[in-house]
Every structure is written in structure tokens, then in C-alpha cells.
Amino acid sequence: MDIHRRDEILERNPERYISKLFPEDQKDVKRFVNGLLIQRYSAGRVDKYLSTLVSIRKRLNVPY
């Protein structure tokens, strides 16, 4: 049971996070997220990884 509704948040947010990345990185990040979900990482953990990637991108302002 997910009392914080992380699964719902993860369904809505990936595209919002991914759209903030450089276009050349977006396809790789989508594959990364799908891989994490296949490996059964929690929705909260995947959400945190995405937000961290966006934060790093803003600070460095270069593609991965």
C-alpha cells in the first residue's frame, strides 16, 4: 500500500522531468527509467533519481 501515492506521481511526472533535459539525453533517460522500473525500484526512488538528474542538468548546463 502506497500511502504517499508515489505510483500516481511517477505516472504523471516522468515526462515533466524528462522535458527539462537536453533533447539528446531524453531517450536515454527514458530507457534508464524503464530499466529501473523493470528492476522493481520503488516509485519514490525513481522519482528522486529523475529530480536529481534535472538538478544536475541545471547546474552544469551541458548534456550528459
N, C-alpha and C. Protein backbone atom coordinates (compact mmCIF):
# COMPACT_ATOMS: atom_id res chain seq x y z
N MET A 1 0.84 -1.18 0.00
CA MET A 1 0.00 0.00 0.00
C MET A 1 0.88 1.24 0.00
N ASP A 2 0.59 2.15 -0.87
CA ASP A 2 1.38 3.36 -1.04
C ASP A 2 0.61 4.55 -0.48
N ILE A 3 0.86 4.89 0.79
CA ILE A 3 0.10 5.96 1.42
C ILE A 3 0.46 7.34 0.89
N HIS A 4 1.63 7.46 0.27
CA HIS A 4 2.06 8.75 -0.27
C HIS A 4 1.73 8.90 -1.75
N ARG A 5 1.10 7.89 -2.33
CA ARG A 5 0.66 7.90 -3.73
C ARG A 5 1.82 8.14 -4.70
N ARG A 6 2.99 7.57 -4.41
CA ARG A 6 4.17 7.73 -5.26
C ARG A 6 3.94 7.15 -6.65
N ASP A 7 3.20 6.04 -6.73
CA ASP A 7 2.95 5.43 -8.04
C ASP A 7 2.19 6.39 -8.94
N GLU A 8 1.20 7.09 -8.40
CA GLU A 8 0.44 8.06 -9.19
C GLU A 8 1.32 9.22 -9.62
N ILE A 9 2.16 9.68 -8.71
CA ILE A 9 3.06 10.79 -9.03
C ILE A 9 4.04 10.38 -10.12
N LEU A 10 4.57 9.17 -10.04
CA LEU A 10 5.52 8.71 -11.03
C LEU A 10 4.87 8.57 -12.40
N GLU A 11 3.61 8.23 -12.44
CA GLU A 11 2.92 8.13 -13.73
C GLU A 11 2.78 9.50 -14.40
N ARG A 12 2.66 10.56 -13.61
CA ARG A 12 2.47 11.90 -14.16
C ARG A 12 3.78 12.64 -14.41
N ASN A 13 4.77 12.46 -13.56
CA ASN A 13 5.95 13.31 -13.56
C ASN A 13 7.08 12.97 -14.52
N PRO A 14 7.28 11.74 -14.96
CA PRO A 14 8.48 11.49 -15.76
C PRO A 14 8.59 12.38 -16.99
N GLU A 15 7.51 12.58 -17.69
CA GLU A 15 7.58 13.41 -18.89
C GLU A 15 7.89 14.86 -18.54
N ARG A 16 7.39 15.31 -17.40
CA ARG A 16 7.69 16.68 -16.97
C ARG A 16 9.17 16.83 -16.66
N TYR A 17 9.74 15.85 -15.95
CA TYR A 17 11.17 15.90 -15.65
C TYR A 17 11.99 15.75 -16.93
N ILE A 18 11.64 14.78 -17.74
CA ILE A 18 12.43 14.47 -18.93
C ILE A 18 12.40 15.64 -19.91
N SER A 19 11.31 16.38 -19.98
CA SER A 19 11.22 17.52 -20.90
C SER A 19 12.19 18.63 -20.51
N LYS A 20 12.67 18.65 -19.27
CA LYS A 20 13.61 19.67 -18.82
C LYS A 20 15.06 19.33 -19.18
N LEU A 21 15.27 18.13 -19.71
CA LEU A 21 16.62 17.71 -20.09
C LEU A 21 16.90 18.08 -21.54
N PHE A 22 18.15 18.00 -21.94
CA PHE A 22 18.50 18.26 -23.32
C PHE A 22 17.87 17.19 -24.21
N PRO A 23 17.47 17.55 -25.42
CA PRO A 23 16.81 16.58 -26.32
C PRO A 23 17.64 15.31 -26.56
N GLU A 24 18.95 15.45 -26.66
CA GLU A 24 19.78 14.27 -26.92
C GLU A 24 19.86 13.33 -25.72
N ASP A 25 19.48 13.80 -24.54
CA ASP A 25 19.51 12.96 -23.34
C ASP A 25 18.16 12.31 -23.04
N GLN A 26 17.09 12.81 -23.61
CA GLN A 26 15.76 12.37 -23.23
C GLN A 26 15.51 10.90 -23.51
N LYS A 27 15.93 10.40 -24.64
CA LYS A 27 15.69 8.99 -24.97
C LYS A 27 16.46 8.08 -24.00
N ASP A 28 17.70 8.44 -23.68
CA ASP A 28 18.50 7.64 -22.75
C ASP A 28 17.90 7.62 -21.35
N VAL A 29 17.39 8.76 -20.92
CA VAL A 29 16.80 8.84 -19.58
C VAL A 29 15.51 8.02 -19.53
N LYS A 30 14.72 8.03 -20.60
CA LYS A 30 13.51 7.20 -20.65
C LYS A 30 13.88 5.73 -20.52
N ARG A 31 14.94 5.30 -21.22
CA ARG A 31 15.39 3.91 -21.12
C ARG A 31 15.87 3.61 -19.70
N PHE A 32 16.58 4.56 -19.10
CA PHE A 32 17.06 4.39 -17.73
C PHE A 32 15.89 4.21 -16.76
N VAL A 33 14.86 5.04 -16.88
CA VAL A 33 13.69 4.95 -16.00
C VAL A 33 12.98 3.62 -16.21
N ASN A 34 12.79 3.23 -17.46
CA ASN A 34 12.13 1.95 -17.73
C ASN A 34 12.93 0.79 -17.15
N GLY A 35 14.25 0.86 -17.24
CA GLY A 35 15.10 -0.18 -16.66
C GLY A 35 14.95 -0.26 -15.15
N LEU A 36 14.88 0.90 -14.51
CA LEU A 36 14.71 0.90 -13.05
C LEU A 36 13.37 0.29 -12.66
N LEU A 37 12.33 0.62 -13.41
CA LEU A 37 11.01 0.08 -13.10
C LEU A 37 10.96 -1.43 -13.34
N ILE A 38 11.64 -1.90 -14.37
CA ILE A 38 11.70 -3.35 -14.63
C ILE A 38 12.43 -4.06 -13.49
N GLN A 39 13.45 -3.39 -12.93
CA GLN A 39 14.19 -3.97 -11.81
C GLN A 39 13.46 -3.80 -10.48
N ARG A 40 12.24 -3.26 -10.54
CA ARG A 40 11.35 -3.11 -9.39
C ARG A 40 11.85 -2.10 -8.36
N TYR A 41 12.51 -1.03 -8.83
CA TYR A 41 12.83 0.07 -7.93
C TYR A 41 11.52 0.74 -7.53
N SER A 42 11.48 1.31 -6.35
CA SER A 42 10.24 1.93 -5.89
C SER A 42 9.98 3.21 -6.68
N ALA A 43 8.72 3.59 -6.74
CA ALA A 43 8.34 4.81 -7.46
C ALA A 43 9.00 6.04 -6.84
N GLY A 44 9.12 6.06 -5.53
CA GLY A 44 9.77 7.17 -4.85
C GLY A 44 11.23 7.30 -5.22
N ARG A 45 11.92 6.16 -5.34
CA ARG A 45 13.34 6.17 -5.70
C ARG A 45 13.53 6.65 -7.13
N VAL A 46 12.70 6.19 -8.04
CA VAL A 46 12.80 6.60 -9.45
C VAL A 46 12.50 8.09 -9.57
N ASP A 47 11.50 8.56 -8.85
CA ASP A 47 11.16 9.98 -8.85
C ASP A 47 12.34 10.81 -8.35
N LYS A 48 13.01 10.35 -7.32
CA LYS A 48 14.17 11.05 -6.77
C LYS A 48 15.31 11.08 -7.79
N TYR A 49 15.56 9.96 -8.47
CA TYR A 49 16.61 9.93 -9.49
C TYR A 49 16.32 10.95 -10.58
N LEU A 50 15.08 11.02 -11.02
CA LEU A 50 14.72 11.96 -12.08
C LEU A 50 14.91 13.41 -11.62
N SER A 51 14.48 13.71 -10.43
CA SER A 51 14.62 15.09 -9.95
C SER A 51 16.10 15.44 -9.78
N THR A 52 16.92 14.48 -9.37
CA THR A 52 18.35 14.72 -9.24
C THR A 52 19.01 14.95 -10.60
N LEU A 53 18.60 14.18 -11.61
CA LEU A 53 19.14 14.39 -12.95
C LEU A 53 18.82 15.79 -13.47
N VAL A 54 17.62 16.26 -13.22
CA VAL A 54 17.23 17.61 -13.65
C VAL A 54 18.04 18.65 -12.88
N SER A 55 18.25 18.43 -11.61
CA SER A 55 19.03 19.36 -10.80
C SER A 55 20.48 19.45 -11.31
N ILE A 56 21.06 18.31 -11.62
CA ILE A 56 22.43 18.29 -12.15
C ILE A 56 22.49 19.00 -13.50
N ARG A 57 21.51 18.76 -14.34
CA ARG A 57 21.46 19.40 -15.66
C ARG A 57 21.40 20.92 -15.53
N LYS A 58 20.61 21.42 -14.58
CA LYS A 58 20.50 22.88 -14.38
C LYS A 58 21.82 23.48 -13.91
N ARG A 59 22.52 22.76 -13.05
CA ARG A 59 23.78 23.28 -12.53
C ARG A 59 24.89 23.27 -13.58
N LEU A 60 24.99 22.17 -14.33
CA LEU A 60 26.08 22.03 -15.29
C LEU A 60 25.76 22.65 -16.64
N ASN A 61 24.49 22.61 -17.03
CA ASN A 61 24.02 23.13 -18.30
C ASN A 61 24.76 22.54 -19.50
N VAL A 62 25.08 21.26 -19.42
CA VAL A 62 25.66 20.52 -20.55
C VAL A 62 24.96 19.18 -20.65
N PRO A 63 24.91 18.59 -21.85
CA PRO A 63 24.29 17.26 -21.98
C PRO A 63 25.09 16.20 -21.23
N TYR A 64 24.41 15.13 -20.85
CA TYR A 64 25.09 14.03 -20.19
C TYR A 64 25.90 13.29 -21.21
